Amino acid sequence: MSSVYILFGANSAIAKAYIEKIALDDANAHVFCISRAQIQFPNTSLLIEQIHSDYTKSSLAKLTAHLKTKNITPTQVLIFNGLLHFDQSMPEKKLEDLDENYFNVLLNTNALTPVLCLQSILPLLNHKSPCVITSLSARVGSITDNDLGGWYSYRASKAALNMLFKTAAIELARRAKQTRLVLFHPGTTDTELSKPFQKNVPAGKLFTPEFVADQLFALLQTPEQLTNIGTPAYIDWRGEHIHW
């Protein structure tokens, strides 16, 4: 039976690179790509279906209903949604920079949206079929690892995401016993999200989306080595665990 991949935020650079990786390593897979905008897919023979969503709960409910008609069980679910800056809004350097709108937008995009995506997939899961659900987190979401301060809203949004996934993992251990959750820190990747900050990245530490996709794909081949059922893995691109 062919693998089924569901990619949220499929228009992102890392997601597109991940699709290319699937095409190379799992060419018979069925891939569902969810995004707000139309996607230009890589030239591939993969079976790809694009589904538009604005990530509201009502829109995701329609997605759930559509996927249920396909009678599929996902092998992997990947959530690539994330935001760091928009318009003139940038990460805070000091307390005086805190802004209500920036904070709320980041919490909504980086924490609420991913867990709503997870919620929409729940009806497709069961006790018999292994599935791994991965969301992009960040090392700056670690409370233990915070030695620099700043970036209040982004740190808080990723810490909230981590808590939501940790809580969901406990519930899924009862409701879908073969499902594992992964929170993945890709490192600083050459995407629009990181562009304003790339000049400060040490040599060799700015990764291509293709490198990140390759690393993530390899790690997810053996999710049982990353984490136990009921406890999400919080790992970086090397597979090393990050302190919560």
Foldseek 3Di string as FASTA:
>chain_A
DAAEEEEEPCQFQLNLLLVVVCCVPRVAYAYEYEEQDDHDHDPGPHNYDYDYAPLDLVRLLVVLVVVVVVLDAHAEYEYEWAAADDDPDHWFPDPVNDDPVVLVVRLCGLAVSVVSNVVSNLVRAAQPHAYEYEYEAALLLAPVPPPRDTRVSNNVSRVNNQVSVLVVLQVCCVGHVRYAYEHEHAFAEPGPRCVVPVVVDDPPRHHYSNLSSVLVVVCVVCCVVQDHRSGYAYAYSNSDGHHD
